[in-house]
Amino acid sequence: MRKPSARTVANVVLATAALGAAYVAVTTPPLRRLALRASRVWLGASLPVYLLTEIRQAWVESRPDRLT
């Protein structure tokens, strides 16, 4: 099997596994609650950090005394 076709097969297998896991999580109430809680925690932690990093980067790059 050549490399491009092996990648395609691997991508199809991973996508199928992800869809199966998503289906099980959506149709099982305890797993659905766990997934929603985990997504809230993830967004609550990573989104503000990302925004603060971008704001800091913009602040640093907007300094008028930059030589470049």
PDB file of N, CA and C in Angstrom:
ATOM      1  N   MET A   1       0.852  -1.171   0.000  1.00  0.00           N
ATOM      2  CA  MET A   1       0.000   0.000   0.000  1.00  0.00           C
ATOM      3  C   MET A   1       0.902   1.238   0.000  1.00  0.00           C
ATOM      4  N   ARG A   2       0.589   2.153  -0.854  1.00  0.00           N
ATOM      5  CA  ARG A   2       1.381   3.375  -0.940  1.00  0.00           C
ATOM      6  C   ARG A   2       0.981   4.351   0.166  1.00  0.00           C
ATOM      7  N   LYS A   3       1.856   5.315   0.407  1.00  0.00           N
ATOM      8  CA  LYS A   3       1.661   6.251   1.513  1.00  0.00           C
ATOM      9  C   LYS A   3       0.363   7.066   1.403  1.00  0.00           C
ATOM     10  N   PRO A   4       0.020   7.638   0.232  1.00  0.00           N
ATOM     11  CA  PRO A   4      -1.237   8.411   0.165  1.00  0.00           C
ATOM     12  C   PRO A   4      -2.481   7.566   0.444  1.00  0.00           C
ATOM     13  N   SER A   5      -2.513   6.354  -0.067  1.00  0.00           N
ATOM     14  CA  SER A   5      -3.692   5.520   0.183  1.00  0.00           C
ATOM     15  C   SER A   5      -3.728   5.047   1.637  1.00  0.00           C
ATOM     16  N   ALA A   6      -2.562   4.820   2.233  1.00  0.00           N
ATOM     17  CA  ALA A   6      -2.530   4.453   3.654  1.00  0.00           C
ATOM     18  C   ALA A   6      -3.045   5.605   4.513  1.00  0.00           C
ATOM     19  N   ARG A   7      -2.676   6.831   4.165  1.00  0.00           N
ATOM     20  CA  ARG A   7      -3.185   8.001   4.899  1.00  0.00           C
ATOM     21  C   ARG A   7      -4.695   8.112   4.766  1.00  0.00           C
ATOM     22  N   THR A   8      -5.191   7.886   3.565  1.00  0.00           N
ATOM     23  CA  THR A   8      -6.629   7.971   3.336  1.00  0.00           C
ATOM     24  C   THR A   8      -7.366   6.927   4.157  1.00  0.00           C
ATOM     25  N   VAL A   9      -6.865   5.707   4.167  1.00  0.00           N
ATOM     26  CA  VAL A   9      -7.496   4.649   4.950  1.00  0.00           C
ATOM     27  C   VAL A   9      -7.456   5.002   6.434  1.00  0.00           C
ATOM     28  N   ALA A  10      -6.325   5.487   6.916  1.00  0.00           N
ATOM     29  CA  ALA A  10      -6.215   5.864   8.328  1.00  0.00           C
ATOM     30  C   ALA A  10      -7.179   7.001   8.664  1.00  0.00           C
ATOM     31  N   ASN A  11      -7.297   7.985   7.777  1.00  0.00           N
ATOM     32  CA  ASN A  11      -8.230   9.093   8.024  1.00  0.00           C
ATOM     33  C   ASN A  11      -9.675   8.607   8.068  1.00  0.00           C
ATOM     34  N   VAL A  12     -10.032   7.681   7.186  1.00  0.00           N
ATOM     35  CA  VAL A  12     -11.405   7.143   7.177  1.00  0.00           C
ATOM     36  C   VAL A  12     -11.669   6.366   8.460  1.00  0.00           C
ATOM     37  N   VAL A  13     -10.706   5.576   8.898  1.00  0.00           N
ATOM     38  CA  VAL A  13     -10.873   4.799  10.137  1.00  0.00           C
ATOM     39  C   VAL A  13     -11.024   5.735  11.338  1.00  0.00           C
ATOM     40  N   LEU A  14     -10.190   6.774  11.410  1.00  0.00           N
ATOM     41  CA  LEU A  14     -10.280   7.721  12.527  1.00  0.00           C
ATOM     42  C   LEU A  14     -11.600   8.491  12.510  1.00  0.00           C
ATOM     43  N   ALA A  15     -12.025   8.906  11.324  1.00  0.00           N
ATOM     44  CA  ALA A  15     -13.294   9.633  11.226  1.00  0.00           C
ATOM     45  C   ALA A  15     -14.463   8.739  11.641  1.00  0.00           C
ATOM     46  N   THR A  16     -14.433   7.490  11.225  1.00  0.00           N
ATOM     47  CA  THR A  16     -15.494   6.557  11.599  1.00  0.00           C
ATOM     48  C   THR A  16     -15.510   6.328  13.109  1.00  0.00           C
ATOM     49  N   ALA A  17     -14.338   6.177  13.712  1.00  0.00           N
ATOM     50  CA  ALA A  17     -14.262   5.992  15.163  1.00  0.00           C
ATOM     51  C   ALA A  17     -14.763   7.234  15.895  1.00  0.00           C
ATOM     52  N   ALA A  18     -14.413   8.416  15.392  1.00  0.00           N
ATOM     53  CA  ALA A  18     -14.867   9.653  16.031  1.00  0.00           C
ATOM     54  C   ALA A  18     -16.381   9.798  15.925  1.00  0.00           C
ATOM     55  N   LEU A  19     -16.937   9.487  14.779  1.00  0.00           N
ATOM     56  CA  LEU A  19     -18.394   9.564  14.619  1.00  0.00           C
ATOM     57  C   LEU A  19     -19.092   8.554  15.529  1.00  0.00           C
ATOM     58  N   GLY A  20     -18.540   7.360  15.647  1.00  0.00           N
ATOM     59  CA  GLY A  20     -19.122   6.356  16.533  1.00  0.00           C
ATOM     60  C   GLY A  20     -19.074   6.803  17.983  1.00  0.00           C
ATOM     61  N   ALA A  21     -17.951   7.355  18.398  1.00  0.00           N
ATOM     62  CA  ALA A  21     -17.833   7.841  19.773  1.00  0.00           C
ATOM     63  C   ALA A  21     -18.793   9.002  20.022  1.00  0.00           C
ATOM     64  N   ALA A  22     -18.911   9.896  19.053  1.00  0.00           N
ATOM     65  CA  ALA A  22     -19.839  11.023  19.205  1.00  0.00           C
ATOM     66  C   ALA A  22     -21.282  10.528  19.302  1.00  0.00           C
ATOM     67  N   TYR A  23     -21.638   9.532  18.503  1.00  0.00           N
ATOM     68  CA  TYR A  23     -22.993   8.978  18.558  1.00  0.00           C
ATOM     69  C   TYR A  23     -23.291   8.382  19.931  1.00  0.00           C
ATOM     70  N   VAL A  24     -22.337   7.604  20.457  1.00  0.00           N
ATOM     71  CA  VAL A  24     -22.528   6.989  21.776  1.00  0.00           C
ATOM     72  C   VAL A  24     -22.634   8.067  22.846  1.00  0.00           C
ATOM     73  N   ALA A  25     -21.800   9.109  22.748  1.00  0.00           N
ATOM     74  CA  ALA A  25     -21.827  10.174  23.755  1.00  0.00           C
ATOM     75  C   ALA A  25     -23.130  10.956  23.701  1.00  0.00           C
ATOM     76  N   VAL A  26     -23.657  11.164  22.505  1.00  0.00           N
ATOM     77  CA  VAL A  26     -24.894  11.949  22.368  1.00  0.00           C
ATOM     78  C   VAL A  26     -26.108  11.148  22.813  1.00  0.00           C
ATOM     79  N   THR A  27     -26.094   9.849  22.575  1.00  0.00           N
ATOM     80  CA  THR A  27     -27.274   9.047  22.907  1.00  0.00           C
ATOM     81  C   THR A  27     -27.263   8.512  24.336  1.00  0.00           C
ATOM     82  N   THR A  28     -26.176   8.661  25.069  1.00  0.00           N
ATOM     83  CA  THR A  28     -26.099   8.200  26.459  1.00  0.00           C
ATOM     84  C   THR A  28     -26.093   9.428  27.376  1.00  0.00           C
ATOM     85  N   PRO A  29     -27.173   9.640  28.130  1.00  0.00           N
ATOM     86  CA  PRO A  29     -27.280  10.867  28.937  1.00  0.00           C
ATOM     87  C   PRO A  29     -26.103  11.151  29.879  1.00  0.00           C
ATOM     88  N   PRO A  30     -25.580  10.176  30.629  1.00  0.00           N
ATOM     89  CA  PRO A  30     -24.446  10.514  31.509  1.00  0.00           C
ATOM     90  C   PRO A  30     -23.211  10.951  30.709  1.00  0.00           C
ATOM     91  N   LEU A  31     -22.968  10.305  29.587  1.00  0.00           N
ATOM     92  CA  LEU A  31     -21.821  10.696  28.757  1.00  0.00           C
ATOM     93  C   LEU A  31     -22.051  12.063  28.123  1.00  0.00           C
ATOM     94  N   ARG A  32     -23.292  12.344  27.759  1.00  0.00           N
ATOM     95  CA  ARG A  32     -23.610  13.650  27.176  1.00  0.00           C
ATOM     96  C   ARG A  32     -23.356  14.751  28.196  1.00  0.00           C
ATOM     97  N   ARG A  33     -23.796  14.526  29.455  1.00  0.00           N
ATOM     98  CA  ARG A  33     -23.546  15.523  30.497  1.00  0.00           C
ATOM     99  C   ARG A  33     -22.059  15.699  30.750  1.00  0.00           C
ATOM    100  N   LEU A  34     -21.320  14.598  30.760  1.00  0.00           N
ATOM    101  CA  LEU A  34     -19.874  14.662  30.947  1.00  0.00           C
ATOM    102  C   LEU A  34     -19.209  15.441  29.812  1.00  0.00           C
ATOM    103  N   ALA A  35     -19.629  15.191  28.589  1.00  0.00           N
ATOM    104  CA  ALA A  35     -19.049  15.893  27.439  1.00  0.00           C
ATOM    105  C   ALA A  35     -19.369  17.385  27.490  1.00  0.00           C
ATOM    106  N   LEU A  36     -20.581  17.729  27.861  1.00  0.00           N
ATOM    107  CA  LEU A  36     -20.947  19.144  27.960  1.00  0.00           C
ATOM    108  C   LEU A  36     -20.171  19.834  29.078  1.00  0.00           C
ATOM    109  N   ARG A  37     -20.030  19.157  30.212  1.00  0.00           N
ATOM    110  CA  ARG A  37     -19.276  19.731  31.325  1.00  0.00           C
ATOM    111  C   ARG A  37     -17.805  19.908  30.945  1.00  0.00           C
ATOM    112  N   ALA A  38     -17.237  18.909  30.277  1.00  0.00           N
ATOM    113  CA  ALA A  38     -15.832  18.993  29.865  1.00  0.00           C
ATOM    114  C   ALA A  38     -15.627  20.103  28.839  1.00  0.00           C
ATOM    115  N   SER A  39     -16.570  20.272  27.923  1.00  0.00           N
ATOM    116  CA  SER A  39     -16.420  21.343  26.926  1.00  0.00           C
ATOM    117  C   SER A  39     -16.530  22.718  27.579  1.00  0.00           C
ATOM    118  N   ARG A  40     -17.401  22.847  28.582  1.00  0.00           N
ATOM    119  CA  ARG A  40     -17.498  24.116  29.300  1.00  0.00           C
ATOM    120  C   ARG A  40     -16.207  24.438  30.042  1.00  0.00           C
ATOM    121  N   VAL A  41     -15.629  23.425  30.670  1.00  0.00           N
ATOM    122  CA  VAL A  41     -14.368  23.638  31.391  1.00  0.00           C
ATOM    123  C   VAL A  41     -13.262  23.999  30.412  1.00  0.00           C
ATOM    124  N   TRP A  42     -13.209  23.276  29.283  1.00  0.00           N
ATOM    125  CA  TRP A  42     -12.170  23.533  28.289  1.00  0.00           C
ATOM    126  C   TRP A  42     -12.297  24.944  27.722  1.00  0.00           C
ATOM    127  N   LEU A  43     -13.510  25.327  27.342  1.00  0.00           N
ATOM    128  CA  LEU A  43     -13.710  26.680  26.809  1.00  0.00           C
ATOM    129  C   LEU A  43     -13.471  27.729  27.880  1.00  0.00           C
ATOM    130  N   GLY A  44     -13.867  27.435  29.103  1.00  0.00           N
ATOM    131  CA  GLY A  44     -13.683  28.384  30.190  1.00  0.00           C
ATOM    132  C   GLY A  44     -12.223  28.594  30.551  1.00  0.00           C
ATOM    133  N   ALA A  45     -11.385  27.608  30.272  1.00  0.00           N
ATOM    134  CA  ALA A  45      -9.967  27.734  30.608  1.00  0.00           C
ATOM    135  C   ALA A  45      -9.127  28.192  29.425  1.00  0.00           C
ATOM    136  N   SER A  46      -9.356  27.620  28.268  1.00  0.00           N
ATOM    137  CA  SER A  46      -8.461  27.899  27.147  1.00  0.00           C
ATOM    138  C   SER A  46      -8.831  29.155  26.365  1.00  0.00           C
ATOM    139  N   LEU A  47     -10.093  29.459  26.245  1.00  0.00           N
ATOM    140  CA  LEU A  47     -10.496  30.634  25.470  1.00  0.00           C
ATOM    141  C   LEU A  47      -9.994  31.935  26.088  1.00  0.00           C
ATOM    142  N   PRO A  48     -10.158  32.170  27.387  1.00  0.00           N
ATOM    143  CA  PRO A  48      -9.611  33.401  27.967  1.00  0.00           C
ATOM    144  C   PRO A  48      -8.089  33.493  27.858  1.00  0.00           C
ATOM    145  N   VAL A  49      -7.406  32.362  28.016  1.00  0.00           N
ATOM    146  CA  VAL A  49      -5.947  32.376  27.891  1.00  0.00           C
ATOM    147  C   VAL A  49      -5.548  32.758  26.472  1.00  0.00           C
ATOM    148  N   TYR A  50      -6.234  32.199  25.496  1.00  0.00           N
ATOM    149  CA  TYR A  50      -5.954  32.526  24.095  1.00  0.00           C
ATOM    150  C   TYR A  50      -6.199  34.014  23.819  1.00  0.00           C
ATOM    151  N   LEU A  51      -7.324  34.516  24.294  1.00  0.00           N
ATOM    152  CA  LEU A  51      -7.643  35.920  24.065  1.00  0.00           C
ATOM    153  C   LEU A  51      -6.635  36.845  24.745  1.00  0.00           C
ATOM    154  N   LEU A  52      -6.248  36.527  25.965  1.00  0.00           N
ATOM    155  CA  LEU A  52      -5.263  37.356  26.660  1.00  0.00           C
ATOM    156  C   LEU A  52      -3.911  37.322  25.954  1.00  0.00           C
ATOM    157  N   THR A  53      -3.534  36.166  25.435  1.00  0.00           N
ATOM    158  CA  THR A  53      -2.274  36.065  24.702  1.00  0.00           C
ATOM    159  C   THR A  53      -2.315  36.903  23.434  1.00  0.00           C
ATOM    160  N   GLU A  54      -3.424  36.846  22.712  1.00  0.00           N
ATOM    161  CA  GLU A  54      -3.559  37.644  21.493  1.00  0.00           C
ATOM    162  C   GLU A  54      -3.567  39.138  21.802  1.00  0.00           C
ATOM    163  N   ILE A  55      -4.248  39.535  22.876  1.00  0.00           N
ATOM    164  CA  ILE A  55      -4.287  40.951  23.265  1.00  0.00           C
ATOM    165  C   ILE A  55      -2.894  41.430  23.641  1.00  0.00           C
ATOM    166  N   ARG A  56      -2.165  40.615  24.397  1.00  0.00           N
ATOM    167  CA  ARG A  56      -0.798  40.983  24.781  1.00  0.00           C
ATOM    168  C   ARG A  56       0.095  41.113  23.558  1.00  0.00           C
ATOM    169  N   GLN A  57      -0.032  40.169  22.625  1.00  0.00           N
ATOM    170  CA  GLN A  57       0.770  40.208  21.396  1.00  0.00           C
ATOM    171  C   GLN A  57       0.460  41.478  20.601  1.00  0.00           C
ATOM    172  N   ALA A  58      -0.815  41.813  20.478  1.00  0.00           N
ATOM    173  CA  ALA A  58      -1.193  43.028  19.754  1.00  0.00           C
ATOM    174  C   ALA A  58      -0.661  44.266  20.455  1.00  0.00           C
ATOM    175  N   TRP A  59      -0.706  44.263  21.792  1.00  0.00           N
ATOM    176  CA  TRP A  59      -0.191  45.398  22.557  1.00  0.00           C
ATOM    177  C   TRP A  59       1.305  45.576  22.316  1.00  0.00           C
ATOM    178  N   VAL A  60       2.046  44.486  22.360  1.00  0.00           N
ATOM    179  CA  VAL A  60       3.490  44.544  22.154  1.00  0.00           C
ATOM    180  C   VAL A  60       3.819  45.013  20.738  1.00  0.00           C
ATOM    181  N   GLU A  61       3.083  44.509  19.765  1.00  0.00           N
ATOM    182  CA  GLU A  61       3.360  44.871  18.371  1.00  0.00           C
ATOM    183  C   GLU A  61       2.920  46.281  18.018  1.00  0.00           C
ATOM    184  N   SER A  62       2.067  46.889  18.835  1.00  0.00           N
ATOM    185  CA  SER A  62       1.585  48.229  18.520  1.00  0.00           C
ATOM    186  C   SER A  62       2.402  49.334  19.177  1.00  0.00           C
ATOM    187  N   ARG A  63       3.493  48.964  19.825  1.00  0.00           N
ATOM    188  CA  ARG A  63       4.327  49.979  20.478  1.00  0.00           C
ATOM    189  C   ARG A  63       4.867  50.968  19.446  1.00  0.00           C
ATOM    190  N   PRO A  64       4.762  52.253  19.700  1.00  0.00           N
ATOM    191  CA  PRO A  64       5.244  53.218  18.718  1.00  0.00           C
ATOM    192  C   PRO A  64       6.767  53.305  18.652  1.00  0.00           C
ATOM    193  N   ASP A  65       7.462  52.839  19.686  1.00  0.00           N
ATOM    194  CA  ASP A  65       8.920  52.952  19.699  1.00  0.00           C
ATOM    195  C   ASP A  65       9.616  51.730  19.085  1.00  0.00           C
ATOM    196  N   ARG A  66       8.856  50.862  18.438  1.00  0.00           N
ATOM    197  CA  ARG A  66       9.482  49.708  17.785  1.00  0.00           C
ATOM    198  C   ARG A  66      10.322  50.163  16.619  1.00  0.00           C
ATOM    199  N   LEU A  67      11.465  49.556  16.434  1.00  0.00           N
ATOM    200  CA  LEU A  67      12.380  49.955  15.365  1.00  0.00           C
ATOM    201  C   LEU A  67      12.070  49.257  14.049  1.00  0.00           C
ATOM    202  N   THR A  68      11.391  48.124  14.074  1.00  0.00           N
ATOM    203  CA  THR A  68      11.134  47.386  12.830  1.00  0.00           C
ATOM    204  C   THR A  68       9.825  47.724  12.224  1.00  0.00           C
TER     205      THR A  68
END
